[in-house]
Amino acid sequence: MTSKTLVSATINGEPVEFLCEPHQSLLECLRNVLGLTGTKEGCNDGNCGACSVLLDGQLVNSCLVLGVEIEGRAVTTVEGLADWRGLHPIQQAFLEADGFQCGFCTPGILIATKALLDRKPNPTEAEIRTWLSGNLCRCTGYDKIVRAVQAAARHLNVAGQEVNE
């Protein structure tokens, strides 16, 4: 019988404590222990990006991180993008640009987009395509996804200018 470990972390801005087995992935902990089902399980070997989350601001595949490894750290999942005021501008841009079809890959792509725009507020189309190359989508063909990222960047840049003025 495996003993469980108590993990204390910040998830989507909220302090949490949970018990997990040493071999459980962060993906399993998010979905099965904490009930945060927005993060999707695709390949479970780090190739599809459906399980992408931010760990201390860095984009990671949650299927490749152990739950115990997030002790004392901060995780942002797709549930952490929106707040009580409504959708995050990235989510709104994807909605307006029809940047999704079946939606299975969308949570990971939204998180990857946030990671990109946090680092590079005005990426080129080539930079967007390169950054999102770790997120597989079988439905959209990526053109609408790229347009959604560009729209989100424009919106966030305008909002940032208003704050700075």
N, C-alpha and C. Protein backbone atom coordinates (compact mmCIF):
# COMPACT_ATOMS: atom_id res chain seq x y z
N MET A 1 0.84 -1.18 0.00
CA MET A 1 0.00 0.00 0.00
C MET A 1 0.88 1.24 0.00
N THR A 2 0.57 2.17 -0.86
CA THR A 2 1.34 3.40 -0.98
C THR A 2 0.80 4.44 -0.01
N SER A 3 1.70 5.13 0.66
CA SER A 3 1.25 6.20 1.54
C SER A 3 1.09 7.47 0.72
N LYS A 4 0.13 8.28 1.14
CA LYS A 4 -0.13 9.53 0.43
C LYS A 4 0.67 10.65 1.07
N THR A 5 0.95 11.66 0.25
CA THR A 5 1.71 12.82 0.68
C THR A 5 0.80 14.04 0.68
N LEU A 6 0.91 14.85 1.71
CA LEU A 6 0.17 16.10 1.77
C LEU A 6 0.93 17.14 0.96
N VAL A 7 0.23 17.76 0.02
CA VAL A 7 0.83 18.79 -0.83
C VAL A 7 0.09 20.10 -0.57
N SER A 8 0.85 21.15 -0.35
CA SER A 8 0.31 22.50 -0.19
C SER A 8 0.81 23.33 -1.37
N ALA A 9 -0.11 23.96 -2.06
CA ALA A 9 0.25 24.76 -3.24
C ALA A 9 -0.78 25.86 -3.42
N THR A 10 -0.55 26.69 -4.40
CA THR A 10 -1.52 27.70 -4.80
C THR A 10 -2.00 27.31 -6.19
N ILE A 11 -3.30 27.11 -6.32
CA ILE A 11 -3.86 26.74 -7.61
C ILE A 11 -4.91 27.78 -7.99
N ASN A 12 -4.69 28.40 -9.13
CA ASN A 12 -5.57 29.46 -9.63
C ASN A 12 -5.75 30.56 -8.60
N GLY A 13 -4.64 30.89 -7.92
CA GLY A 13 -4.65 31.99 -6.96
C GLY A 13 -5.15 31.65 -5.58
N GLU A 14 -5.58 30.42 -5.36
CA GLU A 14 -6.12 30.00 -4.08
C GLU A 14 -5.20 28.97 -3.41
N PRO A 15 -4.94 29.14 -2.12
CA PRO A 15 -4.15 28.11 -1.43
C PRO A 15 -4.96 26.82 -1.31
N VAL A 16 -4.30 25.70 -1.59
CA VAL A 16 -4.96 24.39 -1.49
C VAL A 16 -4.02 23.40 -0.82
N GLU A 17 -4.63 22.41 -0.20
CA GLU A 17 -3.90 21.26 0.31
C GLU A 17 -4.63 20.03 -0.18
N PHE A 18 -3.86 19.03 -0.59
CA PHE A 18 -4.48 17.78 -1.04
C PHE A 18 -3.51 16.64 -0.79
N LEU A 19 -4.08 15.46 -0.75
CA LEU A 19 -3.29 14.24 -0.60
C LEU A 19 -3.14 13.56 -1.95
N CYS A 20 -1.93 13.12 -2.23
CA CYS A 20 -1.73 12.38 -3.48
C CYS A 20 -0.68 11.30 -3.26
N GLU A 21 -0.73 10.32 -4.11
CA GLU A 21 0.27 9.26 -4.07
C GLU A 21 1.52 9.76 -4.78
N PRO A 22 2.69 9.31 -4.37
CA PRO A 22 3.94 9.81 -4.95
C PRO A 22 4.04 9.65 -6.47
N HIS A 23 3.36 8.65 -7.04
CA HIS A 23 3.45 8.41 -8.47
C HIS A 23 2.38 9.15 -9.28
N GLN A 24 1.45 9.84 -8.63
CA GLN A 24 0.37 10.50 -9.37
C GLN A 24 0.88 11.74 -10.08
N SER A 25 0.46 11.89 -11.32
CA SER A 25 0.84 13.09 -12.07
C SER A 25 0.02 14.28 -11.60
N LEU A 26 0.54 15.47 -11.89
CA LEU A 26 -0.21 16.68 -11.60
C LEU A 26 -1.56 16.65 -12.32
N LEU A 27 -1.57 16.14 -13.56
CA LEU A 27 -2.82 16.02 -14.31
C LEU A 27 -3.84 15.20 -13.52
N GLU A 28 -3.42 14.04 -13.01
CA GLU A 28 -4.33 13.19 -12.23
C GLU A 28 -4.81 13.91 -10.98
N CYS A 29 -3.91 14.62 -10.33
CA CYS A 29 -4.29 15.36 -9.11
C CYS A 29 -5.29 16.46 -9.43
N LEU A 30 -5.03 17.21 -10.49
CA LEU A 30 -5.96 18.29 -10.85
C LEU A 30 -7.34 17.73 -11.14
N ARG A 31 -7.40 16.72 -11.99
CA ARG A 31 -8.69 16.19 -12.43
C ARG A 31 -9.38 15.32 -11.37
N ASN A 32 -8.65 14.37 -10.81
CA ASN A 32 -9.28 13.35 -9.97
C ASN A 32 -9.30 13.67 -8.48
N VAL A 33 -8.37 14.48 -8.03
CA VAL A 33 -8.32 14.83 -6.60
C VAL A 33 -8.99 16.18 -6.36
N LEU A 34 -8.67 17.16 -7.21
CA LEU A 34 -9.17 18.52 -6.99
C LEU A 34 -10.41 18.86 -7.81
N GLY A 35 -10.79 18.00 -8.75
CA GLY A 35 -12.00 18.23 -9.53
C GLY A 35 -11.89 19.34 -10.58
N LEU A 36 -10.68 19.69 -10.95
CA LEU A 36 -10.46 20.71 -11.99
C LEU A 36 -10.33 19.99 -13.33
N THR A 37 -11.45 19.77 -13.97
CA THR A 37 -11.49 18.93 -15.17
C THR A 37 -11.27 19.69 -16.47
N GLY A 38 -10.98 20.98 -16.40
CA GLY A 38 -10.69 21.73 -17.61
C GLY A 38 -9.41 21.27 -18.28
N THR A 39 -8.44 20.89 -17.49
CA THR A 39 -7.19 20.35 -18.02
C THR A 39 -7.49 18.95 -18.54
N LYS A 40 -7.18 18.71 -19.80
CA LYS A 40 -7.57 17.45 -20.45
C LYS A 40 -6.42 16.46 -20.53
N GLU A 41 -6.78 15.18 -20.49
CA GLU A 41 -5.80 14.12 -20.71
C GLU A 41 -5.90 13.68 -22.16
N GLY A 42 -4.83 13.89 -22.89
CA GLY A 42 -4.79 13.46 -24.29
C GLY A 42 -3.89 12.26 -24.42
N CYS A 43 -2.63 12.50 -24.67
CA CYS A 43 -1.69 11.41 -24.93
C CYS A 43 -1.10 10.81 -23.65
N ASN A 44 -1.04 11.60 -22.59
CA ASN A 44 -0.46 11.21 -21.32
C ASN A 44 1.03 10.89 -21.42
N ASP A 45 1.69 11.44 -22.45
CA ASP A 45 3.15 11.28 -22.53
C ASP A 45 3.85 12.56 -23.02
N GLY A 46 3.18 13.70 -22.89
CA GLY A 46 3.81 14.99 -23.17
C GLY A 46 3.85 15.42 -24.61
N ASN A 47 3.10 14.77 -25.48
CA ASN A 47 3.18 15.11 -26.90
C ASN A 47 2.04 15.97 -27.45
N CYS A 48 0.91 16.07 -26.75
CA CYS A 48 -0.25 16.72 -27.37
C CYS A 48 -0.56 18.10 -26.80
N GLY A 49 -0.15 18.41 -25.58
CA GLY A 49 -0.39 19.72 -25.00
C GLY A 49 -1.77 19.93 -24.42
N ALA A 50 -2.65 18.94 -24.48
CA ALA A 50 -4.01 19.11 -23.95
C ALA A 50 -4.00 19.36 -22.44
N CYS A 51 -2.97 18.92 -21.76
CA CYS A 51 -2.89 19.04 -20.30
C CYS A 51 -2.04 20.23 -19.86
N SER A 52 -1.76 21.16 -20.75
CA SER A 52 -0.89 22.28 -20.43
C SER A 52 -1.43 23.13 -19.28
N VAL A 53 -0.53 23.46 -18.36
CA VAL A 53 -0.82 24.38 -17.26
C VAL A 53 0.40 25.27 -17.08
N LEU A 54 0.25 26.32 -16.30
CA LEU A 54 1.38 27.15 -15.92
C LEU A 54 1.83 26.75 -14.53
N LEU A 55 3.09 26.45 -14.38
CA LEU A 55 3.69 26.11 -13.09
C LEU A 55 4.71 27.20 -12.79
N ASP A 56 4.39 28.02 -11.79
CA ASP A 56 5.20 29.20 -11.48
C ASP A 56 5.42 30.04 -12.74
N GLY A 57 4.38 30.15 -13.56
CA GLY A 57 4.42 30.97 -14.76
C GLY A 57 5.04 30.31 -15.98
N GLN A 58 5.54 29.09 -15.83
CA GLN A 58 6.17 28.38 -16.94
C GLN A 58 5.20 27.35 -17.51
N LEU A 59 5.13 27.26 -18.82
CA LEU A 59 4.26 26.30 -19.48
C LEU A 59 4.82 24.89 -19.30
N VAL A 60 3.98 23.99 -18.77
CA VAL A 60 4.38 22.59 -18.60
C VAL A 60 3.23 21.68 -19.00
N ASN A 61 3.58 20.46 -19.36
CA ASN A 61 2.57 19.42 -19.56
C ASN A 61 2.34 18.78 -18.21
N SER A 62 1.13 18.90 -17.69
CA SER A 62 0.86 18.40 -16.33
C SER A 62 0.93 16.89 -16.24
N CYS A 63 0.90 16.20 -17.37
CA CYS A 63 1.04 14.74 -17.34
C CYS A 63 2.48 14.32 -17.07
N LEU A 64 3.42 15.25 -17.20
CA LEU A 64 4.84 14.94 -16.99
C LEU A 64 5.39 15.46 -15.67
N VAL A 65 4.53 16.08 -14.87
CA VAL A 65 4.92 16.62 -13.58
C VAL A 65 4.22 15.79 -12.51
N LEU A 66 4.93 15.41 -11.48
CA LEU A 66 4.30 14.70 -10.37
C LEU A 66 3.55 15.69 -9.49
N GLY A 67 2.44 15.25 -8.95
CA GLY A 67 1.68 16.11 -8.06
C GLY A 67 2.50 16.59 -6.88
N VAL A 68 3.35 15.72 -6.33
CA VAL A 68 4.18 16.10 -5.18
C VAL A 68 5.20 17.18 -5.52
N GLU A 69 5.50 17.35 -6.80
CA GLU A 69 6.49 18.36 -7.22
C GLU A 69 5.98 19.78 -7.13
N ILE A 70 4.67 19.96 -6.94
CA ILE A 70 4.16 21.34 -6.89
C ILE A 70 4.11 21.88 -5.46
N GLU A 71 4.64 21.16 -4.51
CA GLU A 71 4.69 21.63 -3.12
C GLU A 71 5.26 23.05 -3.07
N GLY A 72 4.47 23.97 -2.51
CA GLY A 72 4.92 25.36 -2.35
C GLY A 72 4.91 26.18 -3.62
N ARG A 73 4.38 25.65 -4.68
CA ARG A 73 4.44 26.34 -5.97
C ARG A 73 3.06 26.81 -6.41
N ALA A 74 3.00 27.53 -7.51
CA ALA A 74 1.75 28.08 -8.02
C ALA A 74 1.42 27.46 -9.37
N VAL A 75 0.18 27.03 -9.51
CA VAL A 75 -0.31 26.42 -10.75
C VAL A 75 -1.49 27.24 -11.26
N THR A 76 -1.52 27.48 -12.56
CA THR A 76 -2.68 28.10 -13.19
C THR A 76 -3.21 27.14 -14.24
N THR A 77 -4.49 26.81 -14.10
CA THR A 77 -5.18 25.97 -15.07
C THR A 77 -6.12 26.84 -15.88
N VAL A 78 -6.78 26.26 -16.85
CA VAL A 78 -7.72 27.03 -17.67
C VAL A 78 -8.83 27.63 -16.80
N GLU A 79 -9.19 26.95 -15.72
CA GLU A 79 -10.21 27.51 -14.82
C GLU A 79 -9.75 28.81 -14.18
N GLY A 80 -8.45 29.02 -14.09
CA GLY A 80 -7.90 30.22 -13.47
C GLY A 80 -7.80 31.41 -14.39
N LEU A 81 -8.14 31.26 -15.66
CA LEU A 81 -8.05 32.40 -16.57
C LEU A 81 -9.18 33.40 -16.35
N ALA A 82 -10.40 32.93 -16.34
CA ALA A 82 -11.56 33.81 -16.16
C ALA A 82 -11.69 34.19 -14.70
N ASP A 83 -12.42 35.26 -14.45
CA ASP A 83 -12.74 35.62 -13.08
C ASP A 83 -14.21 36.05 -13.01
N TRP A 84 -14.61 36.59 -11.90
CA TRP A 84 -16.01 36.93 -11.68
C TRP A 84 -16.53 37.96 -12.69
N ARG A 85 -15.63 38.72 -13.29
CA ARG A 85 -16.05 39.74 -14.27
C ARG A 85 -16.36 39.12 -15.63
N GLY A 86 -15.86 37.93 -15.88
CA GLY A 86 -16.13 37.28 -17.16
C GLY A 86 -14.91 36.60 -17.72
N LEU A 87 -14.97 36.33 -19.01
CA LEU A 87 -13.88 35.63 -19.69
C LEU A 87 -12.62 36.46 -19.72
N HIS A 88 -11.49 35.78 -19.70
CA HIS A 88 -10.20 36.42 -19.92
C HIS A 88 -10.17 36.89 -21.38
N PRO A 89 -9.48 37.97 -21.69
CA PRO A 89 -9.41 38.43 -23.09
C PRO A 89 -8.94 37.35 -24.07
N ILE A 90 -8.10 36.44 -23.63
CA ILE A 90 -7.67 35.34 -24.51
C ILE A 90 -8.87 34.45 -24.83
N GLN A 91 -9.63 34.09 -23.80
CA GLN A 91 -10.82 33.27 -24.02
C GLN A 91 -11.82 33.98 -24.92
N GLN A 92 -12.02 35.26 -24.71
CA GLN A 92 -12.95 36.04 -25.52
C GLN A 92 -12.50 36.08 -26.98
N ALA A 93 -11.21 36.25 -27.19
CA ALA A 93 -10.68 36.29 -28.56
C ALA A 93 -10.90 34.96 -29.27
N PHE A 94 -10.69 33.85 -28.57
CA PHE A 94 -10.93 32.53 -29.18
C PHE A 94 -12.40 32.35 -29.51
N LEU A 95 -13.26 32.82 -28.65
CA LEU A 95 -14.70 32.73 -28.90
C LEU A 95 -15.08 33.53 -30.13
N GLU A 96 -14.61 34.76 -30.22
CA GLU A 96 -14.96 35.65 -31.33
C GLU A 96 -14.35 35.21 -32.65
N ALA A 97 -13.17 34.59 -32.61
CA ALA A 97 -12.48 34.17 -33.84
C ALA A 97 -12.80 32.73 -34.22
N ASP A 98 -13.71 32.09 -33.49
CA ASP A 98 -14.01 30.67 -33.71
C ASP A 98 -12.73 29.84 -33.69
N GLY A 99 -11.89 30.10 -32.70
CA GLY A 99 -10.59 29.45 -32.59
C GLY A 99 -10.64 28.06 -31.99
N PHE A 100 -11.76 27.39 -32.11
CA PHE A 100 -11.89 26.03 -31.60
C PHE A 100 -13.03 25.35 -32.33
N GLN A 101 -13.04 24.04 -32.32
CA GLN A 101 -14.17 23.29 -32.86
C GLN A 101 -14.66 22.31 -31.82
N CYS A 102 -14.02 21.18 -31.68
CA CYS A 102 -14.51 20.22 -30.68
C CYS A 102 -14.21 20.71 -29.27
N GLY A 103 -13.15 21.49 -29.10
CA GLY A 103 -12.81 22.07 -27.82
C GLY A 103 -11.91 21.25 -26.93
N PHE A 104 -11.58 20.04 -27.31
CA PHE A 104 -10.77 19.19 -26.44
C PHE A 104 -9.38 19.78 -26.21
N CYS A 105 -8.77 20.29 -27.25
CA CYS A 105 -7.42 20.84 -27.14
C CYS A 105 -7.41 22.28 -26.62
N THR A 106 -8.58 22.91 -26.63
CA THR A 106 -8.68 24.35 -26.35
C THR A 106 -8.11 24.75 -24.99
N PRO A 107 -8.39 24.06 -23.90
CA PRO A 107 -7.81 24.50 -22.62
C PRO A 107 -6.28 24.59 -22.65
N GLY A 108 -5.64 23.60 -23.22
CA GLY A 108 -4.18 23.63 -23.31
C GLY A 108 -3.68 24.73 -24.21
N ILE A 109 -4.38 24.99 -25.30
CA ILE A 109 -3.98 26.06 -26.21
C ILE A 109 -4.19 27.42 -25.56
N LEU A 110 -5.26 27.59 -24.79
CA LEU A 110 -5.49 28.85 -24.08
C LEU A 110 -4.36 29.12 -23.09
N ILE A 111 -3.96 28.10 -22.36
CA ILE A 111 -2.87 28.26 -21.38
C ILE A 111 -1.56 28.54 -22.11
N ALA A 112 -1.29 27.83 -23.21
CA ALA A 112 -0.07 28.08 -23.98
C ALA A 112 -0.07 29.50 -24.54
N THR A 113 -1.23 29.97 -24.98
CA THR A 113 -1.34 31.34 -25.48
C THR A 113 -1.02 32.34 -24.39
N LYS A 114 -1.54 32.12 -23.20
CA LYS A 114 -1.23 33.03 -22.08
C LYS A 114 0.27 33.05 -21.81
N ALA A 115 0.89 31.88 -21.79
CA ALA A 115 2.33 31.82 -21.56
C ALA A 115 3.09 32.60 -22.64
N LEU A 116 2.68 32.45 -23.88
CA LEU A 116 3.32 33.18 -24.98
C LEU A 116 3.15 34.69 -24.81
N LEU A 117 1.91 35.13 -24.61
CA LEU A 117 1.63 36.57 -24.55
C LEU A 117 2.21 37.21 -23.29
N ASP A 118 2.39 36.44 -22.23
CA ASP A 118 3.08 36.97 -21.04
C ASP A 118 4.53 37.26 -21.36
N ARG A 119 5.14 36.48 -22.27
CA ARG A 119 6.55 36.64 -22.61
C ARG A 119 6.76 37.56 -23.81
N LYS A 120 5.85 37.49 -24.75
CA LYS A 120 6.01 38.24 -26.00
C LYS A 120 4.64 38.84 -26.35
N PRO A 121 4.39 40.07 -25.93
CA PRO A 121 3.06 40.66 -26.10
C PRO A 121 2.60 40.85 -27.55
N ASN A 122 3.53 40.89 -28.49
CA ASN A 122 3.15 41.13 -29.88
C ASN A 122 3.87 40.13 -30.79
N PRO A 123 3.54 38.84 -30.69
CA PRO A 123 4.27 37.84 -31.48
C PRO A 123 3.87 37.87 -32.96
N THR A 124 4.80 37.47 -33.78
CA THR A 124 4.51 37.33 -35.21
C THR A 124 3.71 36.04 -35.43
N GLU A 125 3.17 35.89 -36.63
CA GLU A 125 2.45 34.66 -36.95
C GLU A 125 3.37 33.45 -36.82
N ALA A 126 4.59 33.59 -37.30
CA ALA A 126 5.54 32.47 -37.22
C ALA A 126 5.85 32.12 -35.76
N GLU A 127 6.00 33.13 -34.91
CA GLU A 127 6.27 32.87 -33.49
C GLU A 127 5.09 32.18 -32.83
N ILE A 128 3.88 32.58 -33.19
CA ILE A 128 2.68 31.94 -32.64
C ILE A 128 2.65 30.48 -33.05
N ARG A 129 2.84 30.22 -34.34
CA ARG A 129 2.80 28.84 -34.83
C ARG A 129 3.88 27.98 -34.18
N THR A 130 5.07 28.54 -34.01
CA THR A 130 6.15 27.80 -33.37
C THR A 130 5.82 27.52 -31.91
N TRP A 131 5.34 28.54 -31.20
CA TRP A 131 5.03 28.38 -29.78
C TRP A 131 3.95 27.33 -29.57
N LEU A 132 2.93 27.33 -30.43
CA LEU A 132 1.81 26.40 -30.28
C LEU A 132 2.07 25.03 -30.92
N SER A 133 3.28 24.81 -31.41
CA SER A 133 3.57 23.53 -32.06
C SER A 133 3.49 22.35 -31.10
N GLY A 134 3.53 22.60 -29.81
CA GLY A 134 3.40 21.53 -28.83
C GLY A 134 1.95 21.22 -28.45
N ASN A 135 1.02 21.91 -29.11
CA ASN A 135 -0.41 21.69 -28.85
C ASN A 135 -1.05 21.17 -30.12
N LEU A 136 -1.48 19.92 -30.07
CA LEU A 136 -2.07 19.30 -31.25
C LEU A 136 -3.57 19.54 -31.31
N CYS A 137 -4.04 19.93 -32.51
CA CYS A 137 -5.47 20.12 -32.74
C CYS A 137 -5.80 19.39 -34.04
N ARG A 138 -6.79 18.52 -33.97
CA ARG A 138 -7.17 17.75 -35.15
C ARG A 138 -8.30 18.39 -35.94
N CYS A 139 -8.90 19.45 -35.41
CA CYS A 139 -10.12 19.98 -36.02
C CYS A 139 -9.95 21.27 -36.80
N THR A 140 -9.21 22.24 -36.26
CA THR A 140 -9.30 23.60 -36.81
C THR A 140 -8.35 23.91 -37.95
N GLY A 141 -7.25 23.22 -38.06
CA GLY A 141 -6.27 23.59 -39.07
C GLY A 141 -5.39 24.75 -38.63
N TYR A 142 -5.55 25.25 -37.42
CA TYR A 142 -4.72 26.26 -36.77
C TYR A 142 -4.90 27.68 -37.26
N ASP A 143 -5.43 27.93 -38.45
CA ASP A 143 -5.55 29.32 -38.92
C ASP A 143 -6.41 30.16 -38.00
N LYS A 144 -7.55 29.63 -37.57
CA LYS A 144 -8.41 30.40 -36.67
C LYS A 144 -7.78 30.54 -35.28
N ILE A 145 -7.02 29.55 -34.89
CA ILE A 145 -6.32 29.63 -33.61
C ILE A 145 -5.29 30.76 -33.66
N VAL A 146 -4.52 30.83 -34.74
CA VAL A 146 -3.52 31.89 -34.89
C VAL A 146 -4.19 33.25 -34.91
N ARG A 147 -5.30 33.38 -35.62
CA ARG A 147 -6.03 34.67 -35.65
C ARG A 147 -6.54 35.03 -34.26
N ALA A 148 -6.97 34.04 -33.51
CA ALA A 148 -7.45 34.30 -32.14
C ALA A 148 -6.31 34.80 -31.25
N VAL A 149 -5.15 34.20 -31.38
CA VAL A 149 -3.99 34.65 -30.59
C VAL A 149 -3.61 36.07 -30.98
N GLN A 150 -3.61 36.37 -32.27
CA GLN A 150 -3.30 37.73 -32.72
C GLN A 150 -4.32 38.73 -32.17
N ALA A 151 -5.60 38.38 -32.17
CA ALA A 151 -6.64 39.25 -31.65
C ALA A 151 -6.47 39.46 -30.15
N ALA A 152 -6.15 38.39 -29.43
CA ALA A 152 -5.92 38.51 -27.99
C ALA A 152 -4.74 39.42 -27.71
N ALA A 153 -3.67 39.28 -28.49
CA ALA A 153 -2.49 40.13 -28.31
C ALA A 153 -2.86 41.60 -28.53
N ARG A 154 -3.62 41.88 -29.58
CA ARG A 154 -4.04 43.27 -29.84
C ARG A 154 -4.86 43.81 -28.67
N HIS A 155 -5.80 43.01 -28.20
CA HIS A 155 -6.65 43.45 -27.10
C HIS A 155 -5.84 43.70 -25.83
N LEU A 156 -4.97 42.76 -25.50
CA LEU A 156 -4.17 42.91 -24.28
C LEU A 156 -3.19 44.08 -24.39
N ASN A 157 -2.66 44.33 -25.59
CA ASN A 157 -1.76 45.46 -25.79
C ASN A 157 -2.50 46.78 -25.61
N VAL A 158 -3.71 46.87 -26.13
CA VAL A 158 -4.53 48.09 -25.98
C VAL A 158 -4.88 48.28 -24.51
N ALA A 159 -5.29 47.21 -23.83
CA ALA A 159 -5.63 47.30 -22.41
C ALA A 159 -4.41 47.71 -21.60
N GLY A 160 -3.24 47.19 -21.94
CA GLY A 160 -2.01 47.55 -21.24
C GLY A 160 -1.63 49.00 -21.44
N GLN A 161 -1.88 49.54 -22.64
CA GLN A 161 -1.59 50.95 -22.91
C GLN A 161 -2.52 51.83 -22.09
N GLU A 162 -3.79 51.43 -21.96
CA GLU A 162 -4.75 52.23 -21.18
C GLU A 162 -4.34 52.28 -19.72
N VAL A 163 -3.82 51.18 -19.20
CA VAL A 163 -3.40 51.12 -17.81
C VAL A 163 -2.18 52.01 -17.59
N ASN A 164 -1.28 52.03 -18.57
CA ASN A 164 -0.03 52.80 -18.45
C ASN A 164 -0.21 54.29 -18.67
N GLU A 165 -1.33 54.70 -19.22
CA GLU A 165 -1.53 56.12 -19.52
C GLU A 165 -2.04 56.89 -18.33
